[in-house]
Amino acid sequence: MAATHPTGRLVAFEGLDQSGKQTQADALAAVLSQRGHRVECISFPDYGTAIGEEIARALAGEREYTPDVMQLLYIANRFEWKARIEKWLGEGTLVLSDRYIASSIAYGETQGLDADWLRQVQTPLPQPDLTILLDIAPDVAVRRKAVGRDRYERDLALLGRVRDSYTRQAAGAGWIRIDAEQDRLRVAQEVAAAVIRWMDDK
């Protein structure tokens, strides 16, 4: 369910690691800024906070948390940004987020967590007005990052289930799916065209 913001809009980029979320968010920010919009980019997890540091330790294998605790850490990490996001939206800013609410649903439900619970616990967060799925296959993600993968990135079966969850979510309203296995420039062009068209329709 999309939130109703006074002026600003929140656009989330979702997809497997190495799908180009940060790259495409930055490219879209440049296009929108050139069109006169005020834009802010954020990325989750934010490893610069106390909660983010704990997430980093868990991903490196230094902590052992159950899937529900792990997702609650991710969600708490977003809550650390809640006030700032609300302020930007109230000022009419376009906020672009590399990962957001759907990420916990995708990764959580593949590990046996209830998708509805994962949605409900994030209800107090500013809800995305639009979510862009940058869709790639798990084997493509692995080829793009051959070394230095975290525990999630090493699990191809899990990544396949995550992709399936994203695909199911993207079938709902408020989503745009982009084939991110294309050339990076082509992906950027499709993202910009889709977002501008969506904004013009609002």
Protein backbone atom coordinates (compact mmCIF):
# COMPACT_ATOMS: atom_id res chain seq x y z
CA MET A 1 0.00 0.00 0.00
CA ALA A 2 1.49 3.33 -1.05
CA ALA A 3 1.67 6.13 1.45
CA THR A 4 0.19 9.56 0.85
CA HIS A 5 2.94 12.15 1.23
CA PRO A 6 2.21 15.91 1.15
CA THR A 7 4.67 16.48 -1.69
CA GLY A 8 7.63 14.12 -1.70
CA ARG A 9 7.81 10.61 -3.08
CA LEU A 10 9.72 7.54 -1.99
CA VAL A 11 11.09 5.19 -4.66
CA ALA A 12 12.71 1.92 -3.61
CA PHE A 13 15.10 -0.17 -5.68
CA GLU A 14 14.96 -3.91 -5.01
CA GLY A 15 16.65 -6.99 -6.40
CA LEU A 16 19.43 -9.45 -5.75
CA ASP A 17 22.90 -8.23 -4.89
CA GLN A 18 24.78 -7.12 -8.01
CA SER A 19 21.54 -6.24 -9.80
CA GLY A 20 22.74 -2.64 -10.00
CA LYS A 21 20.48 -1.01 -7.41
CA GLN A 22 22.97 1.61 -6.23
CA THR A 23 24.19 2.31 -9.76
CA GLN A 24 20.67 2.78 -11.09
CA ALA A 25 19.54 4.84 -8.11
CA ASP A 26 22.48 7.20 -8.68
CA ALA A 27 21.74 7.39 -12.42
CA LEU A 28 18.07 8.15 -11.77
CA ALA A 29 19.01 10.77 -9.19
CA ALA A 30 21.13 12.56 -11.79
CA VAL A 31 18.28 12.54 -14.33
CA LEU A 32 15.71 13.78 -11.84
CA SER A 33 18.04 16.47 -10.51
CA GLN A 34 18.54 17.74 -14.06
CA ARG A 35 14.76 17.99 -14.34
CA GLY A 36 14.70 20.28 -11.32
CA HIS A 37 13.74 17.83 -8.58
CA ARG A 38 15.29 17.75 -5.14
CA VAL A 39 16.65 14.22 -4.65
CA GLU A 40 18.15 12.29 -1.73
CA CYS A 41 19.64 8.79 -2.00
CA ILE A 42 19.80 6.30 0.87
CA SER A 43 20.99 2.70 1.07
CA PHE A 44 20.21 -0.18 3.40
CA PRO A 45 21.69 -1.68 5.41
CA ASP A 46 23.39 1.45 6.71
CA TYR A 47 26.51 -0.04 8.26
CA GLY A 48 27.43 3.30 9.82
CA THR A 49 25.00 2.94 12.73
CA ALA A 50 25.27 0.73 15.82
CA ILE A 51 22.61 -1.58 14.44
CA GLY A 52 24.26 -1.53 11.03
CA GLU A 53 27.58 -2.55 12.57
CA GLU A 54 25.87 -5.52 14.20
CA ILE A 55 24.35 -6.51 10.85
CA ALA A 56 27.81 -6.38 9.27
CA ARG A 57 29.20 -8.69 11.96
CA ALA A 58 26.39 -11.16 11.37
CA LEU A 59 26.91 -11.15 7.61
CA ALA A 60 30.63 -11.77 8.16
CA GLY A 61 29.80 -14.81 10.31
CA GLU A 62 30.86 -13.20 13.60
CA ARG A 63 27.34 -13.45 15.04
CA GLU A 64 24.73 -16.19 14.86
CA TYR A 65 21.15 -14.90 14.77
CA THR A 66 17.93 -16.67 13.90
CA PRO A 67 16.21 -15.41 10.73
CA ASP A 68 13.58 -13.43 12.67
CA VAL A 69 16.20 -11.62 14.74
CA MET A 70 18.22 -10.89 11.63
CA GLN A 71 15.26 -9.35 9.83
CA LEU A 72 14.34 -7.33 12.90
CA LEU A 73 17.86 -5.88 12.83
CA TYR A 74 17.43 -4.92 9.18
CA ILE A 75 14.06 -3.35 9.95
CA ALA A 76 15.40 -1.50 13.00
CA ASN A 77 18.16 -0.15 10.77
CA ARG A 78 15.46 1.43 8.55
CA PHE A 79 13.67 2.84 11.57
CA GLU A 80 16.87 4.72 12.41
CA TRP A 81 16.23 6.69 9.21
CA LYS A 82 12.47 7.11 9.64
CA ALA A 83 12.47 10.70 10.94
CA ARG A 84 14.91 11.86 8.28
CA ILE A 85 12.91 10.24 5.46
CA GLU A 86 9.68 11.78 6.75
CA LYS A 87 11.35 15.19 6.89
CA TRP A 88 12.56 14.92 3.30
CA LEU A 89 9.18 13.78 2.05
CA GLY A 90 7.49 16.64 3.84
CA GLU A 91 9.86 19.05 2.09
CA GLY A 92 8.92 17.68 -1.33
CA THR A 93 12.09 15.64 -1.83
CA LEU A 94 12.25 12.56 -4.04
CA VAL A 95 13.86 9.88 -1.88
CA LEU A 96 15.57 6.99 -3.68
CA SER A 97 16.34 3.96 -1.53
CA ASP A 98 18.70 1.11 -2.38
CA ARG A 99 16.74 -1.71 -0.66
CA TYR A 100 13.78 -1.09 1.58
CA ILE A 101 10.68 -2.83 2.95
CA ALA A 102 10.35 -5.51 0.26
CA SER A 103 13.87 -6.72 0.94
CA SER A 104 12.97 -8.07 4.39
CA ILE A 105 9.87 -9.71 2.95
CA ALA A 106 11.86 -11.38 0.17
CA TYR A 107 14.72 -12.63 2.31
CA GLY A 108 12.60 -13.32 5.38
CA GLU A 109 9.92 -15.44 3.79
CA THR A 110 12.50 -17.56 2.00
CA GLN A 111 13.80 -18.47 5.45
CA GLY A 112 10.40 -19.48 6.75
CA LEU A 113 9.18 -16.17 8.20
CA ASP A 114 5.62 -14.97 7.70
CA ALA A 115 5.41 -12.39 4.91
CA ASP A 116 2.38 -10.68 6.48
CA TRP A 117 4.24 -10.26 9.77
CA LEU A 118 7.21 -8.79 7.94
CA ARG A 119 4.88 -6.28 6.25
CA GLN A 120 3.01 -5.39 9.42
CA VAL A 121 6.09 -4.75 11.54
CA GLN A 122 7.24 -2.24 8.92
CA THR A 123 3.89 -0.43 8.65
CA PRO A 124 5.09 2.56 10.75
CA LEU A 125 7.86 3.24 8.22
CA PRO A 126 7.20 5.65 5.34
CA GLN A 127 5.83 3.35 2.65
CA PRO A 128 7.28 3.41 -0.88
CA ASP A 129 5.20 5.11 -3.52
CA LEU A 130 6.98 3.06 -6.19
CA THR A 131 9.25 0.02 -6.05
CA ILE A 132 11.54 -0.89 -8.94
CA LEU A 133 12.61 -4.51 -9.23
CA LEU A 134 15.94 -4.87 -11.02
CA ASP A 135 15.59 -8.50 -11.99
CA ILE A 136 18.58 -10.78 -12.54
CA ALA A 137 19.10 -14.53 -12.18
CA PRO A 138 21.12 -15.81 -9.19
CA ASP A 139 23.91 -17.15 -11.42
CA VAL A 140 24.27 -13.68 -12.98
CA ALA A 141 24.63 -12.18 -9.51
CA VAL A 142 27.38 -14.67 -8.71
CA ARG A 143 29.26 -13.96 -11.95
CA ARG A 144 29.17 -10.23 -11.23
CA LYS A 145 30.75 -10.74 -7.81
CA ALA A 146 33.05 -13.73 -7.85
CA VAL A 147 34.78 -13.07 -4.51
CA GLY A 148 33.96 -11.48 -1.18
CA ARG A 149 30.35 -12.66 -1.07
CA ASP A 150 28.52 -12.71 2.28
CA ARG A 151 26.56 -15.70 3.59
CA TYR A 152 23.43 -14.79 1.64
CA GLU A 153 25.31 -14.18 -1.60
CA ARG A 154 26.93 -17.62 -1.39
CA ASP A 155 23.61 -19.48 -1.16
CA LEU A 156 22.34 -19.92 -4.73
CA ALA A 157 19.22 -21.84 -3.67
CA LEU A 158 18.26 -19.07 -1.27
CA LEU A 159 18.88 -16.43 -3.93
CA GLY A 160 16.53 -18.31 -6.25
CA ARG A 161 13.79 -18.23 -3.62
CA VAL A 162 14.46 -14.55 -2.98
CA ARG A 163 14.03 -13.83 -6.68
CA ASP A 164 10.76 -15.77 -6.67
CA SER A 165 9.50 -13.66 -3.75
CA TYR A 166 10.45 -10.44 -5.52
CA THR A 167 8.63 -11.63 -8.64
CA ARG A 168 5.48 -12.35 -6.63
CA GLN A 169 5.65 -8.97 -4.92
CA ALA A 170 6.25 -7.18 -8.21
CA ALA A 171 2.99 -8.58 -9.57
CA GLY A 172 1.15 -6.21 -7.24
CA ALA A 173 0.39 -2.52 -7.64
CA GLY A 174 3.12 0.07 -7.24
CA TRP A 175 5.91 -1.98 -8.82
CA ILE A 176 7.93 -1.74 -12.04
CA ARG A 177 10.05 -4.71 -13.15
CA ILE A 178 13.15 -4.05 -15.25
CA ASP A 179 15.36 -6.68 -16.88
CA ALA A 180 18.67 -5.80 -15.24
CA GLU A 181 20.69 -8.35 -17.20
CA GLN A 182 20.78 -5.84 -20.06
CA ASP A 183 23.52 -3.31 -20.68
CA ARG A 184 23.81 -0.90 -17.76
CA LEU A 185 23.01 2.14 -19.90
CA ARG A 186 19.94 0.45 -21.35
CA VAL A 187 18.72 -0.38 -17.85
CA ALA A 188 19.23 3.24 -16.80
CA GLN A 189 17.24 4.47 -19.78
CA GLU A 190 14.36 2.11 -19.02
CA VAL A 191 14.33 3.04 -15.33
CA ALA A 192 14.33 6.78 -16.07
CA ALA A 193 11.61 6.48 -18.71
CA ALA A 194 9.40 4.38 -16.44
CA VAL A 195 9.79 6.67 -13.43
CA ILE A 196 9.23 9.87 -15.39
CA ARG A 197 6.13 8.36 -16.97
CA TRP A 198 4.89 7.29 -13.53
CA MET A 199 5.51 10.78 -12.10
CA ASP A 200 3.75 12.46 -15.01
CA ASP A 201 0.70 10.26 -14.42
CA LYS A 202 0.43 11.34 -10.78
